[in-house]
N, C-alpha and C. Protein backbone atom coordinates (compact mmCIF):
# COMPACT_ATOMS: atom_id res chain seq x y z
N UNK A 1 79.90 109.51 49.37
CA UNK A 1 79.20 110.26 50.39
C UNK A 1 78.59 109.31 51.43
N UNK A 2 78.06 108.19 50.92
CA UNK A 2 77.43 107.23 51.83
C UNK A 2 78.46 106.59 52.76
N UNK A 3 79.64 106.31 52.21
CA UNK A 3 80.71 105.73 53.05
C UNK A 3 81.15 106.69 54.13
N UNK A 4 81.27 107.96 53.78
CA UNK A 4 81.66 108.99 54.74
C UNK A 4 80.61 109.11 55.85
N UNK A 5 79.34 109.16 55.47
CA UNK A 5 78.26 109.27 56.46
C UNK A 5 78.23 108.04 57.36
N UNK A 6 78.48 106.87 56.78
CA UNK A 6 78.51 105.64 57.57
C UNK A 6 79.67 105.67 58.56
N UNK A 7 80.84 106.06 58.11
CA UNK A 7 82.01 106.12 59.00
C UNK A 7 81.79 107.14 60.12
N UNK A 8 81.26 108.29 59.77
CA UNK A 8 80.98 109.31 60.77
C UNK A 8 79.94 108.83 61.78
N UNK A 9 78.92 108.14 61.29
CA UNK A 9 77.89 107.58 62.16
C UNK A 9 78.47 106.57 63.13
N UNK A 10 79.35 105.73 62.62
CA UNK A 10 80.00 104.73 63.49
C UNK A 10 80.85 105.42 64.56
N UNK A 11 81.53 106.48 64.18
CA UNK A 11 82.31 107.23 65.16
C UNK A 11 81.44 107.83 66.26
N UNK A 12 80.28 108.34 65.86
CA UNK A 12 79.34 108.91 66.85
C UNK A 12 78.82 107.84 67.79
N UNK A 13 78.55 106.65 67.25
CA UNK A 13 78.09 105.54 68.09
C UNK A 13 79.20 105.11 69.05
N UNK A 14 80.44 105.12 68.60
CA UNK A 14 81.56 104.77 69.48
C UNK A 14 81.66 105.75 70.64
N UNK A 15 81.51 107.03 70.35
CA UNK A 15 81.55 108.03 71.42
C UNK A 15 80.37 107.84 72.38
N UNK A 16 79.20 107.57 71.83
CA UNK A 16 78.02 107.32 72.67
C UNK A 16 78.24 106.08 73.53
N UNK A 17 78.86 105.06 72.96
CA UNK A 17 79.17 103.86 73.74
C UNK A 17 80.12 104.16 74.88
N UNK A 18 81.12 104.97 74.62
CA UNK A 18 82.04 105.41 75.67
C UNK A 18 81.27 106.16 76.76
N UNK A 19 80.31 106.99 76.35
CA UNK A 19 79.51 107.76 77.30
C UNK A 19 78.69 106.84 78.21
N UNK A 20 78.17 105.77 77.63
CA UNK A 20 77.40 104.81 78.43
C UNK A 20 78.29 104.14 79.47
N UNK A 21 79.48 103.73 79.04
CA UNK A 21 80.42 103.09 79.97
C UNK A 21 80.84 104.09 81.06
N UNK A 22 81.12 105.33 80.66
CA UNK A 22 81.50 106.35 81.64
C UNK A 22 80.38 106.60 82.64
N UNK A 23 79.13 106.63 82.15
CA UNK A 23 77.99 106.79 83.06
C UNK A 23 77.94 105.65 84.06
N UNK A 24 78.11 104.44 83.57
CA UNK A 24 78.08 103.27 84.43
C UNK A 24 79.14 103.37 85.52
N UNK A 25 80.35 103.69 85.12
CA UNK A 25 81.46 103.78 86.08
C UNK A 25 81.23 104.90 87.08
N UNK A 26 80.84 106.07 86.60
CA UNK A 26 80.66 107.22 87.49
C UNK A 26 79.50 107.02 88.47
N UNK A 27 78.39 106.54 87.97
CA UNK A 27 77.23 106.34 88.86
C UNK A 27 77.51 105.22 89.85
N UNK A 28 78.12 104.13 89.39
CA UNK A 28 78.47 103.05 90.31
C UNK A 28 79.48 103.54 91.35
N UNK A 29 80.46 104.32 90.91
CA UNK A 29 81.43 104.87 91.85
C UNK A 29 80.78 105.78 92.88
N UNK A 30 79.82 106.58 92.43
CA UNK A 30 79.11 107.47 93.35
C UNK A 30 78.28 106.67 94.34
N UNK A 31 77.60 105.63 93.88
CA UNK A 31 76.79 104.79 94.78
C UNK A 31 77.68 104.09 95.79
N UNK A 32 78.78 103.55 95.33
CA UNK A 32 79.71 102.86 96.25
C UNK A 32 80.32 103.85 97.24
N UNK A 33 80.70 105.01 96.76
CA UNK A 33 81.26 106.05 97.63
C UNK A 33 80.26 106.49 98.70
N UNK A 34 79.01 106.61 98.32
CA UNK A 34 77.98 107.00 99.30
C UNK A 34 77.76 105.88 100.32
N UNK A 35 77.73 104.63 99.83
CA UNK A 35 77.46 103.50 100.72
C UNK A 35 78.62 103.21 101.67
N UNK A 36 79.83 103.28 101.16
CA UNK A 36 81.00 102.90 101.95
C UNK A 36 81.55 104.06 102.77
N UNK A 37 81.70 105.22 102.15
CA UNK A 37 82.35 106.35 102.80
C UNK A 37 81.37 107.45 103.24
N UNK A 38 80.11 107.30 102.85
CA UNK A 38 79.10 108.31 103.12
C UNK A 38 79.47 109.67 102.51
N UNK A 39 80.13 109.60 101.36
CA UNK A 39 80.55 110.81 100.64
C UNK A 39 80.07 110.70 99.19
N UNK A 40 79.37 111.72 98.73
CA UNK A 40 78.95 111.76 97.33
C UNK A 40 80.05 112.40 96.50
N UNK A 41 80.19 111.93 95.28
CA UNK A 41 81.15 112.54 94.37
C UNK A 41 80.51 113.82 93.84
N UNK A 42 81.14 114.97 94.09
CA UNK A 42 80.51 116.24 93.69
C UNK A 42 80.37 116.37 92.16
N UNK A 43 79.21 116.85 91.75
CA UNK A 43 78.99 117.17 90.34
C UNK A 43 78.65 116.00 89.44
N UNK A 44 78.59 114.79 89.98
CA UNK A 44 78.34 113.61 89.15
C UNK A 44 77.00 113.71 88.43
N UNK A 45 75.98 114.12 89.14
CA UNK A 45 74.66 114.20 88.52
C UNK A 45 74.65 115.17 87.34
N UNK A 46 75.36 116.29 87.47
CA UNK A 46 75.41 117.28 86.39
C UNK A 46 76.23 116.75 85.21
N UNK A 47 77.35 116.12 85.49
CA UNK A 47 78.19 115.56 84.42
C UNK A 47 77.42 114.48 83.66
N UNK A 48 76.74 113.62 84.40
CA UNK A 48 75.97 112.56 83.75
C UNK A 48 74.84 113.15 82.91
N UNK A 49 74.10 114.11 83.48
CA UNK A 49 72.94 114.67 82.77
C UNK A 49 73.35 115.59 81.61
N UNK A 50 74.34 116.45 81.82
CA UNK A 50 74.68 117.46 80.81
C UNK A 50 75.59 116.92 79.71
N UNK A 51 76.47 116.00 80.05
CA UNK A 51 77.43 115.50 79.07
C UNK A 51 77.05 114.11 78.55
N UNK A 52 77.02 113.16 79.46
CA UNK A 52 76.96 111.75 79.06
C UNK A 52 75.60 111.33 78.51
N UNK A 53 74.51 111.75 79.16
CA UNK A 53 73.19 111.37 78.65
C UNK A 53 72.91 112.04 77.31
N UNK A 54 73.31 113.28 77.17
CA UNK A 54 73.10 113.99 75.90
C UNK A 54 73.87 113.30 74.78
N UNK A 55 75.10 112.91 75.05
CA UNK A 55 75.90 112.19 74.04
C UNK A 55 75.27 110.85 73.70
N UNK A 56 74.77 110.16 74.71
CA UNK A 56 74.16 108.85 74.50
C UNK A 56 72.90 108.94 73.65
N UNK A 57 72.17 110.03 73.80
CA UNK A 57 70.91 110.18 73.06
C UNK A 57 71.12 110.75 71.66
N UNK A 58 71.91 111.80 71.52
CA UNK A 58 71.96 112.52 70.25
C UNK A 58 73.03 112.04 69.27
N UNK A 59 74.12 111.50 69.75
CA UNK A 59 75.17 111.08 68.82
C UNK A 59 74.79 109.88 67.95
N UNK A 60 74.01 108.92 68.45
CA UNK A 60 73.64 107.77 67.59
C UNK A 60 72.52 108.04 66.58
N UNK A 61 71.96 109.24 66.56
CA UNK A 61 70.86 109.52 65.63
C UNK A 61 71.24 109.25 64.17
N UNK A 62 72.47 109.60 63.81
CA UNK A 62 72.91 109.39 62.43
C UNK A 62 72.93 107.91 62.07
N UNK A 63 73.34 107.08 63.01
CA UNK A 63 73.36 105.64 62.75
C UNK A 63 71.94 105.12 62.53
N UNK A 64 70.99 105.63 63.28
CA UNK A 64 69.60 105.24 63.07
C UNK A 64 69.15 105.59 61.65
N UNK A 65 69.57 106.75 61.18
CA UNK A 65 69.23 107.15 59.82
C UNK A 65 69.90 106.24 58.79
N UNK A 66 71.16 105.96 58.99
CA UNK A 66 71.89 105.13 58.02
C UNK A 66 71.31 103.72 57.96
N UNK A 67 70.90 103.19 59.11
CA UNK A 67 70.32 101.84 59.15
C UNK A 67 68.82 101.84 58.86
N UNK A 68 68.25 103.04 58.75
CA UNK A 68 66.81 103.20 58.55
C UNK A 68 66.02 102.47 59.64
N UNK A 69 66.43 102.72 60.88
CA UNK A 69 65.83 102.04 62.03
C UNK A 69 65.00 102.97 62.91
N UNK A 70 64.67 104.16 62.42
CA UNK A 70 63.79 105.02 63.19
C UNK A 70 62.38 104.45 63.16
N UNK A 71 61.57 104.89 64.08
CA UNK A 71 60.18 104.43 64.15
C UNK A 71 59.45 104.88 62.88
N UNK A 72 58.68 103.98 62.31
CA UNK A 72 57.88 104.34 61.14
C UNK A 72 56.51 103.69 61.24
N UNK A 73 55.54 104.35 60.63
CA UNK A 73 54.19 103.82 60.58
C UNK A 73 53.87 103.60 59.11
N UNK A 74 53.67 102.35 58.75
CA UNK A 74 53.55 101.97 57.34
C UNK A 74 52.13 101.55 56.94
N UNK A 75 51.13 101.96 57.67
CA UNK A 75 49.76 101.52 57.39
C UNK A 75 49.35 101.91 55.97
N UNK A 76 49.50 103.16 55.61
CA UNK A 76 49.12 103.63 54.27
C UNK A 76 50.12 103.15 53.23
N UNK A 77 51.40 103.20 53.58
CA UNK A 77 52.47 102.87 52.63
C UNK A 77 52.35 101.44 52.12
N UNK A 78 51.91 100.53 52.95
CA UNK A 78 51.82 99.12 52.56
C UNK A 78 50.73 98.85 51.52
N UNK A 79 49.85 99.82 51.29
CA UNK A 79 48.72 99.59 50.40
C UNK A 79 48.75 100.45 49.13
N UNK A 80 49.93 100.94 48.77
CA UNK A 80 50.04 101.77 47.57
C UNK A 80 51.07 101.13 46.62
N UNK A 81 51.03 101.51 45.34
CA UNK A 81 52.02 100.96 44.38
C UNK A 81 53.45 101.36 44.76
N UNK A 82 54.41 100.62 44.23
CA UNK A 82 55.81 100.83 44.56
C UNK A 82 56.30 102.25 44.25
N UNK A 83 55.86 102.81 43.13
CA UNK A 83 56.32 104.15 42.78
C UNK A 83 55.84 105.17 43.82
N UNK A 84 54.65 104.98 44.35
CA UNK A 84 54.13 105.87 45.39
C UNK A 84 54.92 105.67 46.68
N UNK A 85 55.29 104.43 46.98
CA UNK A 85 56.13 104.15 48.14
C UNK A 85 57.46 104.90 48.02
N UNK A 86 58.02 104.87 46.82
CA UNK A 86 59.29 105.57 46.60
C UNK A 86 59.13 107.07 46.79
N UNK A 87 58.02 107.62 46.34
CA UNK A 87 57.75 109.05 46.53
C UNK A 87 57.58 109.34 48.02
N UNK A 88 56.84 108.48 48.73
CA UNK A 88 56.69 108.64 50.18
C UNK A 88 58.06 108.64 50.87
N UNK A 89 58.94 107.72 50.44
CA UNK A 89 60.28 107.65 51.03
C UNK A 89 61.05 108.95 50.83
N UNK A 90 60.99 109.49 49.62
CA UNK A 90 61.69 110.74 49.33
C UNK A 90 61.12 111.88 50.17
N UNK A 91 59.80 111.97 50.24
CA UNK A 91 59.18 113.04 51.04
C UNK A 91 59.54 112.88 52.51
N UNK A 92 59.47 111.67 53.02
CA UNK A 92 59.82 111.42 54.42
C UNK A 92 61.27 111.77 54.72
N UNK A 93 62.17 111.39 53.82
CA UNK A 93 63.59 111.69 54.03
C UNK A 93 63.87 113.19 53.90
N UNK A 94 63.15 113.84 53.00
CA UNK A 94 63.30 115.28 52.86
C UNK A 94 62.86 115.99 54.15
N UNK A 95 61.70 115.60 54.67
CA UNK A 95 61.20 116.21 55.91
C UNK A 95 62.14 115.91 57.08
N UNK A 96 62.66 114.69 57.13
CA UNK A 96 63.60 114.33 58.20
C UNK A 96 64.86 115.18 58.12
N UNK A 97 65.39 115.33 56.92
CA UNK A 97 66.60 116.15 56.73
C UNK A 97 66.34 117.59 57.16
N UNK A 98 65.21 118.13 56.75
CA UNK A 98 64.86 119.51 57.12
C UNK A 98 64.71 119.63 58.63
N UNK A 99 64.02 118.69 59.26
CA UNK A 99 63.81 118.75 60.71
C UNK A 99 65.12 118.67 61.47
N UNK A 100 65.96 117.70 61.12
CA UNK A 100 67.27 117.60 61.78
C UNK A 100 68.08 118.88 61.57
N UNK A 101 68.08 119.40 60.36
CA UNK A 101 68.83 120.62 60.06
C UNK A 101 68.31 121.81 60.86
N UNK A 102 67.00 121.94 60.94
CA UNK A 102 66.40 123.03 61.71
C UNK A 102 66.75 122.92 63.19
N UNK A 103 66.61 121.73 63.74
CA UNK A 103 66.96 121.54 65.15
C UNK A 103 68.44 121.81 65.40
N UNK A 104 69.30 121.36 64.49
CA UNK A 104 70.73 121.63 64.63
C UNK A 104 71.00 123.12 64.62
N UNK A 105 70.39 123.82 63.69
CA UNK A 105 70.57 125.27 63.59
C UNK A 105 70.12 125.97 64.88
N UNK A 106 68.97 125.57 65.40
CA UNK A 106 68.47 126.17 66.65
C UNK A 106 69.41 125.91 67.82
N UNK A 107 69.89 124.66 67.93
CA UNK A 107 70.74 124.32 69.07
C UNK A 107 72.17 124.82 68.92
N UNK A 108 72.60 125.12 67.71
CA UNK A 108 73.90 125.78 67.56
C UNK A 108 73.85 127.15 68.24
N UNK A 109 72.73 127.84 68.08
CA UNK A 109 72.57 129.15 68.73
C UNK A 109 72.54 129.02 70.25
N UNK A 110 71.91 127.98 70.77
CA UNK A 110 71.90 127.73 72.21
C UNK A 110 73.33 127.47 72.68
N UNK A 111 74.08 126.67 71.92
CA UNK A 111 75.47 126.36 72.28
C UNK A 111 76.34 127.61 72.26
N UNK A 112 76.17 128.45 71.24
CA UNK A 112 76.98 129.67 71.16
C UNK A 112 76.68 130.62 72.31
N UNK A 113 75.42 130.73 72.67
CA UNK A 113 75.06 131.58 73.82
C UNK A 113 75.67 131.03 75.10
N UNK A 114 75.64 129.71 75.26
CA UNK A 114 76.23 129.08 76.43
C UNK A 114 77.74 129.30 76.47
N UNK A 115 78.40 129.23 75.30
CA UNK A 115 79.84 129.51 75.23
C UNK A 115 80.14 130.95 75.63
N UNK A 116 79.31 131.88 75.15
CA UNK A 116 79.53 133.30 75.44
C UNK A 116 79.47 133.60 76.93
N UNK A 117 78.52 132.98 77.62
CA UNK A 117 78.35 133.29 79.05
C UNK A 117 79.10 132.31 79.95
N UNK A 118 79.78 131.33 79.33
CA UNK A 118 80.52 130.30 80.08
C UNK A 118 79.62 129.66 81.14
N UNK A 119 78.51 129.11 80.66
CA UNK A 119 77.48 128.54 81.52
C UNK A 119 78.02 127.41 82.39
N UNK A 120 77.59 127.39 83.64
CA UNK A 120 77.95 126.32 84.55
C UNK A 120 76.83 126.10 85.55
N UNK A 121 76.86 124.96 86.23
CA UNK A 121 75.88 124.64 87.25
C UNK A 121 76.58 124.75 88.60
N UNK A 122 75.98 125.52 89.48
CA UNK A 122 76.55 125.72 90.81
C UNK A 122 76.06 124.64 91.75
N UNK A 123 76.94 124.14 92.53
CA UNK A 123 76.62 123.13 93.54
C UNK A 123 77.81 122.99 94.45
N UNK A 124 77.99 121.79 94.97
CA UNK A 124 79.17 121.52 95.79
C UNK A 124 80.43 121.81 94.98
N UNK A 125 80.31 121.53 93.70
CA UNK A 125 81.41 121.77 92.77
C UNK A 125 80.79 122.43 91.55
N UNK A 126 81.34 123.56 91.13
CA UNK A 126 80.82 124.25 89.95
C UNK A 126 81.22 123.48 88.70
N UNK A 127 80.20 122.99 87.99
CA UNK A 127 80.45 122.18 86.80
C UNK A 127 80.19 123.02 85.55
N UNK A 128 81.23 123.26 84.75
CA UNK A 128 81.01 124.00 83.50
C UNK A 128 80.24 123.12 82.52
N UNK A 129 79.11 123.62 82.05
CA UNK A 129 78.34 122.83 81.09
C UNK A 129 78.36 123.42 79.69
N UNK A 130 79.00 124.59 79.54
CA UNK A 130 79.05 125.19 78.21
C UNK A 130 79.73 124.29 77.18
N UNK A 131 80.76 123.51 77.53
CA UNK A 131 81.32 122.62 76.49
C UNK A 131 80.32 121.54 76.06
N UNK A 132 79.47 121.11 76.98
CA UNK A 132 78.52 120.03 76.67
C UNK A 132 77.41 120.49 75.75
N UNK A 133 77.17 121.78 75.67
CA UNK A 133 76.08 122.30 74.84
C UNK A 133 76.32 122.07 73.35
N UNK A 134 77.53 121.76 72.96
CA UNK A 134 77.83 121.53 71.54
C UNK A 134 77.52 120.08 71.12
N UNK A 135 77.35 119.19 72.09
CA UNK A 135 77.12 117.78 71.78
C UNK A 135 75.82 117.60 70.99
N UNK A 136 74.75 118.24 71.44
CA UNK A 136 73.45 118.07 70.78
C UNK A 136 73.49 118.57 69.33
N UNK A 137 73.98 119.79 69.06
CA UNK A 137 74.01 120.19 67.65
C UNK A 137 74.95 119.34 66.79
N UNK A 138 76.02 118.82 67.35
CA UNK A 138 76.90 117.94 66.58
C UNK A 138 76.13 116.68 66.18
N UNK A 139 75.45 116.07 67.14
CA UNK A 139 74.65 114.88 66.83
C UNK A 139 73.58 115.17 65.79
N UNK A 140 72.94 116.32 65.91
CA UNK A 140 71.89 116.69 64.96
C UNK A 140 72.47 117.01 63.58
N UNK A 141 73.64 117.64 63.53
CA UNK A 141 74.28 117.94 62.24
C UNK A 141 74.69 116.66 61.52
N UNK A 142 75.25 115.71 62.26
CA UNK A 142 75.64 114.45 61.63
C UNK A 142 74.39 113.67 61.20
N UNK A 143 73.32 113.74 62.00
CA UNK A 143 72.06 113.11 61.60
C UNK A 143 71.50 113.77 60.34
N UNK A 144 71.66 115.09 60.23
CA UNK A 144 71.24 115.80 59.02
C UNK A 144 72.01 115.29 57.81
N UNK A 145 73.32 115.13 57.97
CA UNK A 145 74.15 114.59 56.90
C UNK A 145 73.70 113.19 56.50
N UNK A 146 73.44 112.35 57.50
CA UNK A 146 73.01 110.98 57.22
C UNK A 146 71.65 110.96 56.52
N UNK A 147 70.71 111.77 57.03
CA UNK A 147 69.38 111.83 56.41
C UNK A 147 69.47 112.38 54.98
N UNK A 148 70.32 113.38 54.79
CA UNK A 148 70.52 113.94 53.45
C UNK A 148 71.14 112.92 52.50
N UNK A 149 72.05 112.12 53.01
CA UNK A 149 72.66 111.07 52.21
C UNK A 149 71.62 110.05 51.78
N UNK A 150 70.78 109.63 52.73
CA UNK A 150 69.72 108.67 52.40
C UNK A 150 68.70 109.29 51.44
N UNK A 151 68.46 110.59 51.57
CA UNK A 151 67.57 111.30 50.65
C UNK A 151 68.13 111.24 49.22
N UNK A 152 69.42 111.50 49.08
CA UNK A 152 70.04 111.44 47.74
C UNK A 152 69.97 110.04 47.15
N UNK A 153 70.18 109.02 47.96
CA UNK A 153 70.09 107.64 47.48
C UNK A 153 68.66 107.37 47.00
N UNK A 154 67.68 107.80 47.77
CA UNK A 154 66.27 107.59 47.39
C UNK A 154 65.91 108.37 46.13
N UNK A 155 66.40 109.60 46.03
CA UNK A 155 66.12 110.41 44.84
C UNK A 155 66.71 109.78 43.59
N UNK A 156 67.97 109.33 43.70
CA UNK A 156 68.61 108.68 42.57
C UNK A 156 67.83 107.45 42.13
N UNK A 157 67.37 106.66 43.10
CA UNK A 157 66.60 105.45 42.78
C UNK A 157 65.27 105.81 42.14
N UNK A 158 64.63 106.85 42.64
CA UNK A 158 63.34 107.27 42.08
C UNK A 158 63.50 107.76 40.64
N UNK A 159 64.52 108.57 40.42
CA UNK A 159 64.77 109.11 39.07
C UNK A 159 65.17 108.00 38.10
N UNK A 160 65.99 107.07 38.57
CA UNK A 160 66.44 105.98 37.71
C UNK A 160 65.38 104.90 37.54
N UNK A 161 64.34 104.95 38.37
CA UNK A 161 63.29 103.95 38.30
C UNK A 161 63.69 102.62 38.90
N UNK A 162 64.76 102.62 39.70
CA UNK A 162 65.19 101.39 40.35
C UNK A 162 64.81 101.43 41.82
N UNK A 163 64.95 100.30 42.46
CA UNK A 163 64.65 100.23 43.89
C UNK A 163 65.89 100.62 44.68
N UNK A 164 65.73 101.48 45.72
CA UNK A 164 66.87 101.74 46.59
C UNK A 164 67.21 100.48 47.37
N UNK A 165 68.43 100.38 47.87
CA UNK A 165 68.80 99.19 48.64
C UNK A 165 67.81 98.96 49.78
N UNK A 166 67.50 97.70 50.02
CA UNK A 166 66.53 97.36 51.08
C UNK A 166 67.04 97.82 52.42
N UNK A 167 66.13 98.24 53.26
CA UNK A 167 66.52 98.71 54.59
C UNK A 167 66.19 97.67 55.66
N UNK A 168 66.06 96.44 55.28
CA UNK A 168 65.73 95.39 56.25
C UNK A 168 66.98 94.65 56.71
N UNK A 169 68.08 95.34 56.90
CA UNK A 169 69.32 94.74 57.36
C UNK A 169 69.63 95.29 58.74
N UNK A 170 68.80 94.99 59.68
CA UNK A 170 68.88 95.53 61.02
C UNK A 170 70.27 95.37 61.61
N UNK A 171 70.85 96.51 61.98
CA UNK A 171 72.10 96.50 62.72
C UNK A 171 73.35 96.26 61.92
N UNK A 172 73.30 96.17 60.62
CA UNK A 172 74.50 95.93 59.84
C UNK A 172 74.61 96.94 58.72
N UNK A 173 75.81 97.03 58.17
CA UNK A 173 76.04 97.91 57.01
C UNK A 173 76.41 97.09 55.82
């Protein structure tokens, strides 16, 4: 399960990386087009905001979970026995899994409503944004899977009385 979540997380990061490169190319192209030809590329702002930025933000969430690189405050945790730290880890991972799952569930409904009405942004060029509405729930669902995977690892370690693998391996698997 952990290998699957890791592979899926890496795939999401690859897509987010592509989104960053696409943003760079599109925005640079729009700036150059405005400067040289005095013509803006229609719909670029909507494509960047609705598709690319959302992918850049939400798709890597699972990788953050797998690497355990989300923001944490360890003031209390640093001053309790190891078994209590392990319990804190399980509770934190449980809450994270629930939160990601709840957000995914809520945004799936937003995406379905957008699909039903074929949502788009009107401007110089009508940009359909209903396909982009699925990006956020996908990122949140994969993050839920990653958080759930880490929860199971922590639970197994707590039950077995062993330490879960250290999470101080920044940026590597």
